[in-house]
């Protein structure tokens, strides 16, 4: 009888653009501002600038050369411009304690789920 091997890989968050892969590390749950963002480019791993994004970095999403980062424990969404060599902060959105978790963009609206408010919120990306 042949044995079966199963490989499980767990990545907290991962998102890729044309030249880079972005990976989030949610950080230690009990540590303030411990969540971080990393990138893989040309087989090199490096820590992104302006790290220590907040408490519990939850999810990542790339849309139109921007990286969207949800920080659950700190209740915010951070948006970065993706450049060929680094990320630059673009916008910070406070979700006022809603505890955002996961997101998707559809028809230029960002929809995101929320832990504390138990709902889905909609954000217009045009303004």
N, C-alpha and C. Protein backbone atom coordinates (compact mmCIF):
# COMPACT_ATOMS: atom_id res chain seq x y z
N UNK A 1 0.83 -1.16 0.00
CA UNK A 1 0.00 0.00 0.00
C UNK A 1 0.89 1.25 0.00
N UNK A 2 0.60 2.16 -0.89
CA UNK A 2 1.41 3.37 -1.00
C UNK A 2 0.94 4.41 0.00
N UNK A 3 1.90 5.05 0.65
CA UNK A 3 1.57 6.12 1.60
C UNK A 3 1.36 7.43 0.87
N UNK A 4 0.53 8.26 1.44
CA UNK A 4 0.28 9.58 0.86
C UNK A 4 0.97 10.62 1.72
N UNK A 5 1.59 11.56 1.06
CA UNK A 5 2.22 12.67 1.76
C UNK A 5 1.46 13.94 1.44
N UNK A 6 1.17 14.68 2.45
CA UNK A 6 0.46 15.93 2.29
C UNK A 6 1.31 17.05 2.86
N UNK A 7 1.45 18.09 2.10
CA UNK A 7 2.24 19.24 2.53
C UNK A 7 1.29 20.41 2.77
N UNK A 8 1.33 20.96 3.96
CA UNK A 8 0.52 22.12 4.30
C UNK A 8 1.42 23.33 4.44
N UNK A 9 1.05 24.40 3.78
CA UNK A 9 1.80 25.64 3.87
C UNK A 9 0.83 26.72 4.34
N UNK A 10 1.24 27.46 5.36
CA UNK A 10 0.41 28.54 5.89
C UNK A 10 1.17 29.85 5.76
N UNK A 11 0.60 30.75 5.01
CA UNK A 11 1.15 32.09 4.90
C UNK A 11 0.08 33.03 5.42
N UNK A 12 0.46 33.89 6.33
CA UNK A 12 -0.51 34.80 6.94
C UNK A 12 -1.20 35.65 5.87
N UNK A 13 -0.45 36.24 5.00
CA UNK A 13 -1.01 37.02 3.91
C UNK A 13 0.00 37.11 2.80
N UNK A 14 -0.47 37.02 1.57
CA UNK A 14 0.46 37.07 0.45
C UNK A 14 -0.26 37.69 -0.74
N UNK A 15 0.42 38.57 -1.45
CA UNK A 15 -0.14 39.23 -2.61
C UNK A 15 1.01 39.55 -3.55
N UNK A 16 0.82 39.47 -4.85
CA UNK A 16 1.94 39.74 -5.75
C UNK A 16 1.54 40.73 -6.83
N UNK A 17 2.56 41.49 -7.23
CA UNK A 17 2.43 42.38 -8.39
C UNK A 17 3.38 41.83 -9.45
N UNK A 18 3.56 42.55 -10.53
CA UNK A 18 4.35 42.03 -11.64
C UNK A 18 5.77 41.66 -11.24
N UNK A 19 6.41 42.43 -10.38
CA UNK A 19 7.82 42.20 -10.05
C UNK A 19 8.09 41.83 -8.60
N UNK A 20 7.07 41.87 -7.76
CA UNK A 20 7.28 41.66 -6.34
C UNK A 20 6.16 40.82 -5.73
N UNK A 21 6.50 40.13 -4.67
CA UNK A 21 5.51 39.43 -3.86
C UNK A 21 5.53 40.11 -2.50
N UNK A 22 4.35 40.45 -1.98
CA UNK A 22 4.25 41.08 -0.67
C UNK A 22 3.68 40.08 0.33
N UNK A 23 4.27 40.05 1.51
CA UNK A 23 3.87 39.12 2.55
C UNK A 23 3.67 39.89 3.84
N UNK A 24 2.56 39.63 4.50
CA UNK A 24 2.33 40.28 5.78
C UNK A 24 2.62 39.31 6.91
N UNK A 25 3.13 39.86 7.98
CA UNK A 25 3.31 39.11 9.22
C UNK A 25 2.41 39.79 10.24
N UNK A 26 1.41 39.09 10.72
CA UNK A 26 0.44 39.74 11.59
C UNK A 26 1.05 40.23 12.90
N UNK A 27 2.17 39.67 13.29
CA UNK A 27 2.81 40.07 14.53
C UNK A 27 2.26 39.30 15.72
N UNK A 28 2.80 39.57 16.89
CA UNK A 28 2.32 38.93 18.11
C UNK A 28 1.04 39.60 18.56
N UNK A 29 0.04 38.80 18.87
CA UNK A 29 -1.28 39.33 19.21
C UNK A 29 -1.23 40.29 20.40
N UNK A 30 -0.37 40.02 21.36
CA UNK A 30 -0.31 40.84 22.57
C UNK A 30 0.67 42.00 22.47
N UNK A 31 1.30 42.20 21.33
CA UNK A 31 2.27 43.28 21.16
C UNK A 31 1.66 44.39 20.31
N UNK A 32 1.77 45.62 20.78
CA UNK A 32 1.30 46.77 20.02
C UNK A 32 2.23 47.04 18.83
N UNK A 33 1.65 47.40 17.70
CA UNK A 33 2.41 47.80 16.50
C UNK A 33 3.47 46.80 16.08
N UNK A 34 3.15 45.53 16.15
CA UNK A 34 4.11 44.48 15.83
C UNK A 34 3.93 43.90 14.43
N UNK A 35 2.83 44.22 13.75
CA UNK A 35 2.60 43.69 12.41
C UNK A 35 3.55 44.33 11.41
N UNK A 36 3.99 43.53 10.43
CA UNK A 36 4.98 44.04 9.49
C UNK A 36 4.69 43.57 8.07
N UNK A 37 5.38 44.18 7.13
CA UNK A 37 5.20 43.91 5.72
C UNK A 37 6.55 43.60 5.10
N UNK A 38 6.59 42.55 4.30
CA UNK A 38 7.83 42.09 3.68
C UNK A 38 7.61 41.95 2.18
N UNK A 39 8.69 41.92 1.42
CA UNK A 39 8.60 41.77 -0.03
C UNK A 39 9.66 40.79 -0.52
N UNK A 40 9.33 40.11 -1.60
CA UNK A 40 10.28 39.25 -2.30
C UNK A 40 10.43 39.82 -3.70
N UNK A 41 11.66 40.14 -4.05
CA UNK A 41 11.96 40.68 -5.37
C UNK A 41 13.26 40.07 -5.84
N UNK A 42 13.25 39.49 -7.03
CA UNK A 42 14.44 38.84 -7.59
C UNK A 42 15.06 37.86 -6.60
N UNK A 43 14.24 37.05 -5.97
CA UNK A 43 14.63 36.01 -5.02
C UNK A 43 15.27 36.54 -3.74
N UNK A 44 15.13 37.82 -3.48
CA UNK A 44 15.62 38.40 -2.23
C UNK A 44 14.44 38.80 -1.37
N UNK A 45 14.53 38.53 -0.08
CA UNK A 45 13.49 38.90 0.88
C UNK A 45 13.96 40.14 1.63
N UNK A 46 13.10 41.15 1.71
CA UNK A 46 13.48 42.33 2.47
C UNK A 46 12.27 42.89 3.21
N UNK A 47 12.56 43.55 4.31
CA UNK A 47 11.53 44.20 5.11
C UNK A 47 11.20 45.54 4.47
N UNK A 48 9.92 45.82 4.29
CA UNK A 48 9.51 47.07 3.66
C UNK A 48 9.75 48.25 4.59
N UNK A 49 9.97 49.40 3.98
CA UNK A 49 10.14 50.63 4.76
C UNK A 49 8.84 50.98 5.47
N UNK A 50 8.92 51.81 6.48
CA UNK A 50 7.74 52.24 7.24
C UNK A 50 7.01 51.05 7.85
N UNK A 51 7.77 50.08 8.32
CA UNK A 51 7.17 48.89 8.89
C UNK A 51 6.61 49.17 10.27
N UNK A 52 6.21 48.14 10.96
CA UNK A 52 5.44 48.22 12.20
C UNK A 52 4.15 48.97 11.89
N UNK A 53 3.32 48.31 11.10
CA UNK A 53 2.09 48.91 10.59
C UNK A 53 0.98 49.03 11.62
N UNK A 54 1.05 48.22 12.66
CA UNK A 54 -0.01 48.22 13.67
C UNK A 54 -0.16 46.86 14.28
N UNK A 55 -1.26 46.67 14.97
CA UNK A 55 -1.53 45.43 15.68
C UNK A 55 -2.39 44.50 14.83
N UNK A 56 -1.88 43.35 14.52
CA UNK A 56 -2.52 42.27 13.75
C UNK A 56 -2.81 42.69 12.30
N UNK A 57 -1.75 42.65 11.48
CA UNK A 57 -1.92 42.87 10.04
C UNK A 57 -2.69 41.67 9.50
N UNK A 58 -3.86 41.93 8.93
CA UNK A 58 -4.81 40.86 8.60
C UNK A 58 -4.75 40.40 7.15
N UNK A 59 -4.81 41.34 6.19
CA UNK A 59 -4.90 40.93 4.79
C UNK A 59 -4.31 41.98 3.86
N UNK A 60 -3.99 41.52 2.64
CA UNK A 60 -3.38 42.35 1.60
C UNK A 60 -4.18 42.24 0.31
N UNK A 61 -4.16 43.31 -0.48
CA UNK A 61 -4.83 43.29 -1.78
C UNK A 61 -4.13 44.30 -2.69
N UNK A 62 -3.87 43.92 -3.93
CA UNK A 62 -3.25 44.82 -4.91
C UNK A 62 -4.29 45.21 -5.94
N UNK A 63 -4.35 46.52 -6.23
CA UNK A 63 -5.28 47.04 -7.24
C UNK A 63 -4.68 48.32 -7.82
N UNK A 64 -4.53 48.36 -9.13
CA UNK A 64 -4.02 49.53 -9.86
C UNK A 64 -2.75 50.11 -9.23
N UNK A 65 -1.74 49.29 -9.10
CA UNK A 65 -0.43 49.69 -8.57
C UNK A 65 -0.47 50.25 -7.15
N UNK A 66 -1.47 49.81 -6.39
CA UNK A 66 -1.55 50.17 -4.98
C UNK A 66 -1.71 48.89 -4.16
N UNK A 67 -1.05 48.89 -3.00
CA UNK A 67 -1.17 47.78 -2.07
C UNK A 67 -2.06 48.23 -0.92
N UNK A 68 -3.15 47.51 -0.71
CA UNK A 68 -4.09 47.77 0.38
C UNK A 68 -3.78 46.81 1.51
N UNK A 69 -3.63 47.34 2.71
CA UNK A 69 -3.27 46.53 3.88
C UNK A 69 -4.30 46.78 4.97
N UNK A 70 -4.96 45.71 5.42
CA UNK A 70 -5.89 45.82 6.55
C UNK A 70 -5.16 45.45 7.82
N UNK A 71 -5.28 46.33 8.82
CA UNK A 71 -4.69 46.09 10.14
C UNK A 71 -5.85 45.96 11.13
N UNK A 72 -6.17 44.72 11.49
CA UNK A 72 -7.36 44.40 12.27
C UNK A 72 -7.37 45.01 13.66
N UNK A 73 -6.36 44.72 14.46
CA UNK A 73 -6.34 45.17 15.85
C UNK A 73 -6.28 46.68 15.98
N UNK A 74 -5.61 47.34 15.05
CA UNK A 74 -5.52 48.81 15.06
C UNK A 74 -6.68 49.46 14.31
N UNK A 75 -7.53 48.64 13.69
CA UNK A 75 -8.74 49.10 12.97
C UNK A 75 -8.44 50.17 11.92
N UNK A 76 -7.57 49.82 10.97
CA UNK A 76 -7.33 50.76 9.87
C UNK A 76 -7.00 50.03 8.59
N UNK A 77 -7.05 50.78 7.51
CA UNK A 77 -6.63 50.31 6.19
C UNK A 77 -5.55 51.26 5.72
N UNK A 78 -4.41 50.72 5.32
CA UNK A 78 -3.31 51.54 4.84
C UNK A 78 -3.09 51.23 3.36
N UNK A 79 -2.92 52.28 2.59
CA UNK A 79 -2.74 52.13 1.14
C UNK A 79 -1.35 52.65 0.77
N UNK A 80 -0.64 51.86 -0.04
CA UNK A 80 0.72 52.21 -0.47
C UNK A 80 0.78 52.21 -1.99
N UNK A 81 1.54 53.15 -2.55
CA UNK A 81 1.88 53.11 -3.96
C UNK A 81 2.98 52.08 -4.14
N UNK A 82 2.84 51.24 -5.16
CA UNK A 82 3.85 50.24 -5.45
C UNK A 82 4.80 50.81 -6.50
N UNK A 83 6.06 50.94 -6.14
CA UNK A 83 7.10 51.39 -7.06
C UNK A 83 8.00 50.19 -7.36
N UNK A 84 8.86 50.34 -8.32
CA UNK A 84 9.74 49.22 -8.69
C UNK A 84 10.72 48.87 -7.58
N UNK A 85 11.04 49.81 -6.71
CA UNK A 85 12.04 49.54 -5.68
C UNK A 85 11.50 49.58 -4.25
N UNK A 86 10.32 50.17 -4.05
CA UNK A 86 9.80 50.24 -2.68
C UNK A 86 8.31 50.57 -2.66
N UNK A 87 7.77 50.69 -1.47
CA UNK A 87 6.40 51.13 -1.26
C UNK A 87 6.43 52.52 -0.64
N UNK A 88 5.51 53.38 -1.07
CA UNK A 88 5.40 54.68 -0.43
C UNK A 88 3.98 54.84 0.10
N UNK A 89 3.85 55.32 1.34
CA UNK A 89 2.51 55.51 1.91
C UNK A 89 1.68 56.46 1.05
N UNK A 90 0.43 56.10 0.83
CA UNK A 90 -0.47 56.91 0.02
C UNK A 90 -1.65 57.44 0.85
N UNK A 91 -2.28 56.55 1.62
CA UNK A 91 -3.45 56.97 2.39
C UNK A 91 -3.63 56.07 3.60
N UNK A 92 -4.15 56.64 4.67
CA UNK A 92 -4.46 55.94 5.91
C UNK A 92 -5.95 56.14 6.18
N UNK A 93 -6.68 55.03 6.38
CA UNK A 93 -8.12 55.10 6.61
C UNK A 93 -8.42 54.49 7.97
N UNK A 94 -8.93 55.29 8.87
CA UNK A 94 -9.34 54.82 10.19
C UNK A 94 -10.74 54.23 10.07
N UNK A 95 -10.94 53.00 10.55
CA UNK A 95 -12.27 52.38 10.47
C UNK A 95 -13.02 52.48 11.80
N UNK A 96 -12.51 53.28 12.70
CA UNK A 96 -13.20 53.62 13.96
C UNK A 96 -13.62 52.39 14.77
N UNK A 97 -12.67 51.49 14.96
CA UNK A 97 -12.89 50.34 15.84
C UNK A 97 -13.70 49.21 15.24
N UNK A 98 -13.95 49.22 13.93
CA UNK A 98 -14.77 48.16 13.32
C UNK A 98 -14.06 46.81 13.27
N UNK A 99 -12.72 46.80 13.35
CA UNK A 99 -11.96 45.54 13.28
C UNK A 99 -11.98 44.91 11.91
N UNK A 100 -11.51 45.64 10.86
CA UNK A 100 -11.55 45.10 9.50
C UNK A 100 -10.76 43.80 9.36
N UNK A 101 -11.21 42.93 8.45
CA UNK A 101 -10.60 41.60 8.30
C UNK A 101 -10.16 41.29 6.87
N UNK A 102 -11.09 41.14 5.97
CA UNK A 102 -10.81 40.74 4.59
C UNK A 102 -11.40 41.77 3.64
N UNK A 103 -10.87 41.82 2.39
CA UNK A 103 -11.34 42.84 1.46
C UNK A 103 -11.34 42.31 0.03
N UNK A 104 -12.11 43.01 -0.79
CA UNK A 104 -12.12 42.79 -2.23
C UNK A 104 -12.50 44.12 -2.88
N UNK A 105 -12.03 44.33 -4.10
CA UNK A 105 -12.39 45.53 -4.85
C UNK A 105 -13.21 45.12 -6.05
N UNK A 106 -14.35 45.81 -6.20
CA UNK A 106 -15.26 45.54 -7.31
C UNK A 106 -15.85 46.87 -7.77
N UNK A 107 -15.77 47.15 -9.08
CA UNK A 107 -16.30 48.39 -9.66
C UNK A 107 -15.78 49.63 -8.94
N UNK A 108 -14.51 49.61 -8.60
CA UNK A 108 -13.80 50.72 -7.95
C UNK A 108 -14.33 51.04 -6.55
N UNK A 109 -14.91 50.04 -5.90
CA UNK A 109 -15.29 50.13 -4.50
C UNK A 109 -14.53 49.06 -3.72
N UNK A 110 -14.05 49.44 -2.57
CA UNK A 110 -13.39 48.49 -1.66
C UNK A 110 -14.44 48.02 -0.66
N UNK A 111 -14.71 46.72 -0.66
CA UNK A 111 -15.62 46.12 0.31
C UNK A 111 -14.77 45.40 1.34
N UNK A 112 -15.05 45.61 2.62
CA UNK A 112 -14.28 44.92 3.63
C UNK A 112 -15.17 44.44 4.78
N UNK A 113 -14.85 43.25 5.26
CA UNK A 113 -15.59 42.66 6.38
C UNK A 113 -15.02 43.20 7.68
N UNK A 114 -15.84 43.14 8.73
CA UNK A 114 -15.45 43.70 10.02
C UNK A 114 -15.79 42.75 11.16
N UNK A 115 -14.83 42.54 12.05
CA UNK A 115 -14.96 41.65 13.19
C UNK A 115 -15.86 42.27 14.28
N UNK A 116 -15.55 43.47 14.69
CA UNK A 116 -16.25 44.09 15.82
C UNK A 116 -17.66 44.56 15.46
N UNK A 117 -17.83 45.16 14.30
CA UNK A 117 -19.15 45.66 13.91
C UNK A 117 -19.98 44.61 13.17
N UNK A 118 -19.39 43.45 12.88
CA UNK A 118 -20.09 42.31 12.25
C UNK A 118 -20.86 42.73 11.00
N UNK A 119 -20.16 43.40 10.07
CA UNK A 119 -20.82 43.84 8.86
C UNK A 119 -19.82 43.92 7.71
N UNK A 120 -20.30 44.36 6.56
CA UNK A 120 -19.44 44.63 5.40
C UNK A 120 -19.59 46.11 5.10
N UNK A 121 -18.47 46.79 4.97
CA UNK A 121 -18.49 48.21 4.66
C UNK A 121 -17.98 48.43 3.24
N UNK A 122 -18.39 49.54 2.64
CA UNK A 122 -18.08 49.87 1.25
C UNK A 122 -17.36 51.22 1.21
N UNK A 123 -16.24 51.26 0.52
CA UNK A 123 -15.44 52.47 0.42
C UNK A 123 -15.26 52.84 -1.04
N UNK A 124 -15.64 54.05 -1.43
CA UNK A 124 -15.52 54.54 -2.80
C UNK A 124 -14.06 54.93 -3.05
N UNK A 125 -13.40 54.29 -3.97
CA UNK A 125 -11.99 54.56 -4.25
C UNK A 125 -11.78 55.79 -5.12
N UNK A 126 -12.83 56.35 -5.67
CA UNK A 126 -12.71 57.56 -6.47
C UNK A 126 -12.55 58.81 -5.63
N UNK A 127 -12.97 58.76 -4.38
CA UNK A 127 -12.80 59.93 -3.51
C UNK A 127 -12.45 59.42 -2.17
